[in-house]
Amino acid sequence: MDKSHLHSSHPKISARLKRARGHLDSVIAMIEEGRPCTDIAQQLHAVEKAITNAKRALIHDHIDHCLDEGSAESTADFKEITRYL
């Protein structure tokens, strides 16, 4: 495993994603139990927001720590990662 891309924010991002995974497992169980669609949609929205926030944190961290101002390589990297916003 290449550890050169590990950042201090990654453990928190990983924890967010693990919580989202747990919530997603709960949503699947809700569907299998026949719970009301409104409740399921609410929980799916929460999962989606958790993943979006984790993605945003990862991208912001990348911009803050991985890009060298002014270099052509950094400009290309910035353009590449913003595709995922």
N, C-alpha and C. Protein backbone atom coordinates (compact mmCIF):
# COMPACT_ATOMS: atom_id res chain seq x y z
N MET A 1 0.84 -1.18 0.00
CA MET A 1 0.00 0.00 0.00
C MET A 1 0.88 1.24 0.00
N ASP A 2 0.59 2.18 -0.89
CA ASP A 2 1.34 3.42 -1.00
C ASP A 2 0.85 4.39 0.06
N LYS A 3 1.66 4.65 1.05
CA LYS A 3 1.28 5.52 2.16
C LYS A 3 1.58 6.99 1.88
N SER A 4 2.15 7.31 0.71
CA SER A 4 2.50 8.69 0.42
C SER A 4 1.27 9.57 0.25
N HIS A 5 0.11 8.98 0.05
CA HIS A 5 -1.10 9.77 -0.13
C HIS A 5 -1.98 9.80 1.12
N LEU A 6 -1.46 9.33 2.24
CA LEU A 6 -2.21 9.40 3.49
C LEU A 6 -2.09 10.80 4.07
N HIS A 7 -3.20 11.34 4.52
CA HIS A 7 -3.24 12.67 5.11
C HIS A 7 -3.84 12.58 6.50
N SER A 8 -3.62 13.60 7.28
CA SER A 8 -4.14 13.58 8.65
C SER A 8 -5.67 13.55 8.67
N SER A 9 -6.31 14.01 7.62
CA SER A 9 -7.78 14.01 7.58
C SER A 9 -8.37 12.65 7.21
N HIS A 10 -7.57 11.76 6.67
CA HIS A 10 -8.09 10.49 6.16
C HIS A 10 -8.76 9.62 7.23
N PRO A 11 -8.23 9.53 8.46
CA PRO A 11 -8.96 8.72 9.45
C PRO A 11 -10.37 9.24 9.73
N LYS A 12 -10.54 10.56 9.77
CA LYS A 12 -11.88 11.11 10.00
C LYS A 12 -12.79 10.83 8.80
N ILE A 13 -12.25 10.95 7.61
CA ILE A 13 -13.03 10.66 6.41
C ILE A 13 -13.42 9.19 6.38
N SER A 14 -12.49 8.33 6.73
CA SER A 14 -12.76 6.89 6.79
C SER A 14 -13.86 6.60 7.81
N ALA A 15 -13.80 7.25 8.96
CA ALA A 15 -14.83 7.05 9.99
C ALA A 15 -16.20 7.50 9.48
N ARG A 16 -16.25 8.62 8.75
CA ARG A 16 -17.51 9.09 8.17
C ARG A 16 -18.08 8.05 7.21
N LEU A 17 -17.21 7.49 6.37
CA LEU A 17 -17.67 6.52 5.40
C LEU A 17 -18.12 5.22 6.06
N LYS A 18 -17.46 4.84 7.12
CA LYS A 18 -17.88 3.63 7.84
C LYS A 18 -19.25 3.84 8.48
N ARG A 19 -19.50 5.04 9.02
CA ARG A 19 -20.83 5.34 9.56
C ARG A 19 -21.87 5.31 8.44
N ALA A 20 -21.53 5.87 7.29
CA ALA A 20 -22.46 5.86 6.16
C ALA A 20 -22.76 4.43 5.73
N ARG A 21 -21.73 3.58 5.73
CA ARG A 21 -21.93 2.17 5.37
C ARG A 21 -22.89 1.51 6.35
N GLY A 22 -22.75 1.80 7.63
CA GLY A 22 -23.65 1.26 8.64
C GLY A 22 -25.08 1.73 8.41
N HIS A 23 -25.24 3.01 8.09
CA HIS A 23 -26.57 3.54 7.80
C HIS A 23 -27.16 2.90 6.54
N LEU A 24 -26.31 2.68 5.54
CA LEU A 24 -26.79 2.04 4.32
C LEU A 24 -27.26 0.61 4.61
N ASP A 25 -26.53 -0.10 5.45
CA ASP A 25 -26.97 -1.44 5.86
C ASP A 25 -28.34 -1.37 6.54
N SER A 26 -28.54 -0.33 7.34
CA SER A 26 -29.84 -0.14 8.01
C SER A 26 -30.95 0.13 7.01
N VAL A 27 -30.64 0.90 5.97
CA VAL A 27 -31.63 1.19 4.94
C VAL A 27 -32.03 -0.10 4.21
N ILE A 28 -31.05 -0.92 3.91
CA ILE A 28 -31.35 -2.20 3.25
C ILE A 28 -32.27 -3.04 4.13
N ALA A 29 -31.97 -3.07 5.43
CA ALA A 29 -32.82 -3.82 6.36
C ALA A 29 -34.24 -3.23 6.40
N MET A 30 -34.33 -1.90 6.35
CA MET A 30 -35.64 -1.26 6.36
C MET A 30 -36.45 -1.69 5.13
N ILE A 31 -35.80 -1.75 3.99
CA ILE A 31 -36.49 -2.17 2.76
C ILE A 31 -36.97 -3.61 2.90
N GLU A 32 -36.08 -4.46 3.40
CA GLU A 32 -36.43 -5.88 3.56
C GLU A 32 -37.54 -6.08 4.58
N GLU A 33 -37.65 -5.18 5.55
CA GLU A 33 -38.69 -5.28 6.57
C GLU A 33 -40.01 -4.66 6.12
N GLY A 34 -39.99 -3.98 4.97
CA GLY A 34 -41.21 -3.35 4.48
C GLY A 34 -41.56 -2.06 5.18
N ARG A 35 -40.55 -1.35 5.65
CA ARG A 35 -40.79 -0.07 6.34
C ARG A 35 -41.34 0.96 5.36
N PRO A 36 -41.98 2.01 5.87
CA PRO A 36 -42.57 3.04 4.99
C PRO A 36 -41.52 3.70 4.09
N CYS A 37 -41.93 3.97 2.86
CA CYS A 37 -41.01 4.56 1.88
C CYS A 37 -40.48 5.91 2.32
N THR A 38 -41.30 6.69 3.01
CA THR A 38 -40.84 8.00 3.48
C THR A 38 -39.68 7.84 4.45
N ASP A 39 -39.77 6.89 5.35
CA ASP A 39 -38.68 6.63 6.30
C ASP A 39 -37.41 6.19 5.57
N ILE A 40 -37.59 5.32 4.58
CA ILE A 40 -36.45 4.82 3.82
C ILE A 40 -35.79 5.96 3.04
N ALA A 41 -36.63 6.79 2.40
CA ALA A 41 -36.09 7.92 1.63
C ALA A 41 -35.32 8.88 2.54
N GLN A 42 -35.82 9.11 3.72
CA GLN A 42 -35.13 9.99 4.67
C GLN A 42 -33.77 9.43 5.03
N GLN A 43 -33.70 8.15 5.29
CA GLN A 43 -32.43 7.52 5.64
C GLN A 43 -31.47 7.49 4.46
N LEU A 44 -31.99 7.24 3.26
CA LEU A 44 -31.15 7.28 2.06
C LEU A 44 -30.56 8.68 1.84
N HIS A 45 -31.37 9.68 2.11
CA HIS A 45 -30.89 11.06 1.99
C HIS A 45 -29.74 11.30 2.97
N ALA A 46 -29.87 10.78 4.17
CA ALA A 46 -28.80 10.94 5.17
C ALA A 46 -27.52 10.24 4.72
N VAL A 47 -27.66 9.05 4.15
CA VAL A 47 -26.49 8.32 3.64
C VAL A 47 -25.83 9.11 2.52
N GLU A 48 -26.65 9.60 1.61
CA GLU A 48 -26.13 10.38 0.48
C GLU A 48 -25.39 11.63 0.95
N LYS A 49 -25.94 12.34 1.92
CA LYS A 49 -25.28 13.54 2.46
C LYS A 49 -23.97 13.18 3.15
N ALA A 50 -23.94 12.07 3.87
CA ALA A 50 -22.71 11.65 4.55
C ALA A 50 -21.61 11.37 3.54
N ILE A 51 -21.95 10.70 2.46
CA ILE A 51 -20.96 10.39 1.43
C ILE A 51 -20.52 11.67 0.72
N THR A 52 -21.46 12.54 0.42
CA THR A 52 -21.12 13.81 -0.22
C THR A 52 -20.17 14.63 0.65
N ASN A 53 -20.45 14.68 1.94
CA ASN A 53 -19.58 15.44 2.85
C ASN A 53 -18.19 14.82 2.96
N ALA A 54 -18.11 13.50 2.96
CA ALA A 54 -16.81 12.83 2.99
C ALA A 54 -16.03 13.12 1.72
N LYS A 55 -16.71 13.08 0.58
CA LYS A 55 -16.07 13.38 -0.70
C LYS A 55 -15.56 14.82 -0.70
N ARG A 56 -16.37 15.74 -0.25
CA ARG A 56 -15.99 17.14 -0.21
C ARG A 56 -14.76 17.34 0.67
N ALA A 57 -14.75 16.72 1.84
CA ALA A 57 -13.61 16.84 2.75
C ALA A 57 -12.34 16.29 2.10
N LEU A 58 -12.46 15.17 1.42
CA LEU A 58 -11.30 14.58 0.74
C LEU A 58 -10.77 15.50 -0.36
N ILE A 59 -11.66 16.05 -1.16
CA ILE A 59 -11.24 16.93 -2.25
C ILE A 59 -10.63 18.21 -1.70
N HIS A 60 -11.24 18.80 -0.68
CA HIS A 60 -10.67 20.01 -0.10
C HIS A 60 -9.29 19.74 0.50
N ASP A 61 -9.14 18.60 1.14
CA ASP A 61 -7.83 18.23 1.70
C ASP A 61 -6.80 18.10 0.58
N HIS A 62 -7.20 17.48 -0.51
CA HIS A 62 -6.30 17.32 -1.65
C HIS A 62 -5.87 18.69 -2.19
N ILE A 63 -6.83 19.57 -2.34
CA ILE A 63 -6.52 20.91 -2.85
C ILE A 63 -5.57 21.63 -1.89
N ASP A 64 -5.82 21.51 -0.60
CA ASP A 64 -5.00 22.20 0.41
C ASP A 64 -3.59 21.64 0.51
N HIS A 65 -3.42 20.34 0.30
CA HIS A 65 -2.13 19.72 0.62
C HIS A 65 -1.37 19.09 -0.55
N CYS A 66 -2.02 18.90 -1.66
CA CYS A 66 -1.36 18.16 -2.74
C CYS A 66 -1.05 18.99 -3.98
N LEU A 67 -1.56 20.18 -4.03
CA LEU A 67 -1.35 20.98 -5.23
C LEU A 67 -0.28 22.04 -4.98
N ASP A 68 0.67 22.12 -5.89
CA ASP A 68 1.69 23.16 -5.85
C ASP A 68 1.19 24.33 -6.67
N GLU A 69 1.11 25.50 -6.04
CA GLU A 69 0.58 26.67 -6.75
C GLU A 69 1.39 26.98 -7.99
N GLY A 70 0.67 27.19 -9.08
CA GLY A 70 1.30 27.66 -10.29
C GLY A 70 1.88 26.61 -11.21
N SER A 71 2.05 25.38 -10.77
CA SER A 71 2.64 24.39 -11.66
C SER A 71 1.59 23.85 -12.64
N ALA A 72 2.01 23.54 -13.83
CA ALA A 72 1.10 23.01 -14.85
C ALA A 72 0.53 21.67 -14.40
N GLU A 73 1.35 20.86 -13.75
CA GLU A 73 0.88 19.55 -13.26
C GLU A 73 -0.22 19.74 -12.22
N SER A 74 -0.06 20.70 -11.32
CA SER A 74 -1.08 20.96 -10.31
C SER A 74 -2.36 21.48 -10.93
N THR A 75 -2.25 22.31 -11.94
CA THR A 75 -3.43 22.82 -12.62
C THR A 75 -4.21 21.67 -13.25
N ALA A 76 -3.51 20.77 -13.90
CA ALA A 76 -4.16 19.60 -14.50
C ALA A 76 -4.79 18.72 -13.43
N ASP A 77 -4.08 18.53 -12.32
CA ASP A 77 -4.60 17.71 -11.22
C ASP A 77 -5.85 18.36 -10.62
N PHE A 78 -5.83 19.68 -10.48
CA PHE A 78 -6.98 20.40 -9.95
C PHE A 78 -8.19 20.21 -10.86
N LYS A 79 -7.98 20.36 -12.15
CA LYS A 79 -9.07 20.17 -13.10
C LYS A 79 -9.61 18.75 -13.04
N GLU A 80 -8.73 17.78 -12.89
CA GLU A 80 -9.14 16.38 -12.81
C GLU A 80 -10.01 16.12 -11.58
N ILE A 81 -9.57 16.61 -10.41
CA ILE A 81 -10.31 16.29 -9.19
C ILE A 81 -11.64 17.05 -9.11
N THR A 82 -11.72 18.23 -9.71
CA THR A 82 -12.97 18.97 -9.65
C THR A 82 -14.08 18.31 -10.46
N ARG A 83 -13.75 17.37 -11.30
CA ARG A 83 -14.79 16.60 -12.00
C ARG A 83 -15.69 15.87 -11.02
N TYR A 84 -15.19 15.60 -9.84
CA TYR A 84 -15.93 14.81 -8.86
C TYR A 84 -16.73 15.65 -7.87
N LEU A 85 -16.70 16.96 -8.02
CA LEU A 85 -17.48 17.82 -7.12
C LEU A 85 -18.95 17.71 -7.41
